[in-house]
N, C-alpha and C. Protein backbone atom coordinates (compact mmCIF):
# COMPACT_ATOMS: atom_id res chain seq x y z
N MET A 1 115.04 121.42 89.09
CA MET A 1 115.62 121.42 90.42
C MET A 1 116.88 120.58 90.41
N GLU A 2 117.80 120.92 91.29
CA GLU A 2 119.04 120.16 91.41
C GLU A 2 118.72 118.70 91.74
N ASN A 3 119.71 117.86 91.53
CA ASN A 3 119.56 116.47 91.93
C ASN A 3 119.30 116.43 93.44
N ALA A 4 118.19 115.85 93.84
CA ALA A 4 117.78 115.86 95.24
C ALA A 4 118.82 115.25 96.16
N ARG A 5 119.62 114.34 95.66
CA ARG A 5 120.65 113.72 96.49
C ARG A 5 121.76 114.70 96.86
N ASN A 6 121.88 115.79 96.11
CA ASN A 6 122.92 116.78 96.38
C ASN A 6 122.44 117.92 97.26
N ILE A 7 121.19 117.87 97.68
CA ILE A 7 120.63 118.94 98.52
C ILE A 7 120.57 118.45 99.96
N ALA A 8 121.21 119.19 100.84
CA ALA A 8 121.19 118.81 102.26
C ALA A 8 119.78 118.99 102.82
N PRO A 9 119.31 118.04 103.64
CA PRO A 9 117.97 118.17 104.22
C PRO A 9 117.91 119.35 105.20
N THR A 10 116.74 119.97 105.24
CA THR A 10 116.49 121.06 106.16
C THR A 10 115.30 120.67 107.02
N GLY A 11 115.50 120.58 108.29
CA GLY A 11 114.41 120.21 109.19
C GLY A 11 113.57 121.43 109.54
N ILE A 12 112.33 121.42 109.12
CA ILE A 12 111.42 122.51 109.44
C ILE A 12 110.20 121.91 110.13
N ARG A 13 109.81 122.51 111.24
CA ARG A 13 108.62 122.05 111.95
C ARG A 13 107.43 122.91 111.54
N PHE A 14 106.37 122.25 111.10
CA PHE A 14 105.14 122.93 110.71
C PHE A 14 104.05 122.60 111.71
N PRO A 15 103.18 123.56 112.01
CA PRO A 15 101.99 123.22 112.80
C PRO A 15 101.17 122.18 112.04
N ASP A 16 100.49 121.32 112.76
CA ASP A 16 99.72 120.24 112.12
C ASP A 16 98.75 120.77 111.08
N TRP A 17 98.05 121.87 111.37
CA TRP A 17 97.05 122.40 110.44
C TRP A 17 97.70 122.84 109.13
N LEU A 18 98.92 123.39 109.21
CA LEU A 18 99.61 123.84 108.00
C LEU A 18 100.13 122.64 107.21
N LYS A 19 100.68 121.67 107.90
CA LYS A 19 101.17 120.47 107.23
C LYS A 19 100.03 119.74 106.54
N ASP A 20 98.88 119.67 107.19
CA ASP A 20 97.72 119.02 106.58
C ASP A 20 97.27 119.76 105.32
N ALA A 21 97.26 121.09 105.36
CA ALA A 21 96.86 121.89 104.19
C ALA A 21 97.86 121.69 103.05
N LEU A 22 99.15 121.66 103.37
CA LEU A 22 100.18 121.44 102.35
C LEU A 22 100.06 120.05 101.74
N LYS A 23 99.81 119.05 102.56
CA LYS A 23 99.64 117.68 102.06
C LYS A 23 98.44 117.60 101.13
N SER A 24 97.37 118.26 101.50
CA SER A 24 96.16 118.26 100.67
C SER A 24 96.43 118.92 99.33
N ALA A 25 97.08 120.07 99.34
CA ALA A 25 97.41 120.78 98.10
C ALA A 25 98.36 119.95 97.25
N ALA A 26 99.34 119.33 97.88
CA ALA A 26 100.31 118.50 97.15
C ALA A 26 99.61 117.34 96.47
N SER A 27 98.71 116.69 97.18
CA SER A 27 97.98 115.55 96.62
C SER A 27 97.14 115.98 95.42
N LYS A 28 96.47 117.11 95.55
CA LYS A 28 95.63 117.62 94.46
C LYS A 28 96.45 117.91 93.21
N GLU A 29 97.69 118.37 93.39
CA GLU A 29 98.56 118.74 92.27
C GLU A 29 99.53 117.61 91.87
N CYS A 30 99.35 116.42 92.47
CA CYS A 30 100.21 115.26 92.19
C CYS A 30 101.69 115.57 92.43
N ARG A 31 101.95 116.23 93.55
CA ARG A 31 103.32 116.55 93.96
C ARG A 31 103.59 115.93 95.33
N SER A 32 104.86 115.82 95.65
CA SER A 32 105.23 115.40 97.00
C SER A 32 105.04 116.61 97.94
N LEU A 33 105.02 116.34 99.22
CA LEU A 33 104.94 117.42 100.20
C LEU A 33 106.13 118.36 100.01
N ASN A 34 107.31 117.81 99.83
CA ASN A 34 108.51 118.61 99.62
C ASN A 34 108.37 119.49 98.37
N GLY A 35 107.89 118.89 97.28
CA GLY A 35 107.70 119.64 96.04
C GLY A 35 106.71 120.79 96.21
N GLU A 36 105.66 120.55 96.97
CA GLU A 36 104.65 121.59 97.20
C GLU A 36 105.23 122.75 98.02
N VAL A 37 105.99 122.42 99.05
CA VAL A 37 106.61 123.46 99.88
C VAL A 37 107.57 124.29 99.04
N ILE A 38 108.39 123.64 98.23
CA ILE A 38 109.35 124.35 97.38
C ILE A 38 108.63 125.25 96.39
N LYS A 39 107.59 124.72 95.74
CA LYS A 39 106.82 125.52 94.78
C LYS A 39 106.26 126.78 95.43
N ARG A 40 105.69 126.63 96.60
CA ARG A 40 105.06 127.76 97.27
C ARG A 40 106.08 128.76 97.80
N LEU A 41 107.19 128.28 98.32
CA LEU A 41 108.24 129.20 98.78
C LEU A 41 108.85 129.97 97.62
N GLU A 42 109.13 129.28 96.51
CA GLU A 42 109.68 129.95 95.33
C GLU A 42 108.73 131.03 94.82
N LYS A 43 107.44 130.69 94.74
CA LYS A 43 106.43 131.65 94.25
C LYS A 43 106.39 132.88 95.15
N SER A 44 106.33 132.66 96.44
CA SER A 44 106.26 133.77 97.39
C SER A 44 107.51 134.65 97.33
N LEU A 45 108.67 134.03 97.30
CA LEU A 45 109.92 134.79 97.26
C LEU A 45 110.09 135.54 95.94
N ARG A 46 109.64 134.93 94.85
CA ARG A 46 109.71 135.59 93.54
C ARG A 46 108.79 136.81 93.52
N GLU A 47 107.57 136.64 94.02
CA GLU A 47 106.60 137.75 94.05
C GLU A 47 107.09 138.92 94.90
N GLU A 48 107.86 138.62 95.94
CA GLU A 48 108.37 139.67 96.83
C GLU A 48 109.74 140.19 96.38
N GLY A 49 110.24 139.71 95.25
CA GLY A 49 111.47 140.22 94.69
C GLY A 49 112.76 139.66 95.26
N PHE A 50 112.66 138.54 95.98
CA PHE A 50 113.86 137.95 96.57
C PHE A 50 114.56 136.97 95.64
N LEU A 51 113.86 136.49 94.61
CA LEU A 51 114.46 135.57 93.64
C LEU A 51 114.53 136.27 92.29
N ASN A 52 115.71 136.35 91.76
CA ASN A 52 115.89 136.96 90.44
C ASN A 52 116.55 135.95 89.53
N GLY A 53 115.87 135.58 88.46
CA GLY A 53 116.46 134.67 87.48
C GLY A 53 116.43 133.21 87.84
N HIS A 54 115.71 132.82 88.88
CA HIS A 54 115.63 131.39 89.25
C HIS A 54 114.28 130.86 88.90
């Protein structure tokens, strides 16, 4: 991933139940909440053909 300092923050509001599930998954995988969200978004977008070569 790019240097995190060079990535502009994106404010996204999650329902509490979804944020709690993401935090739980992140903790289990020893990732930050941000890292877990990125991993899951990348996987979903790749599976649907929106990411090519990333």
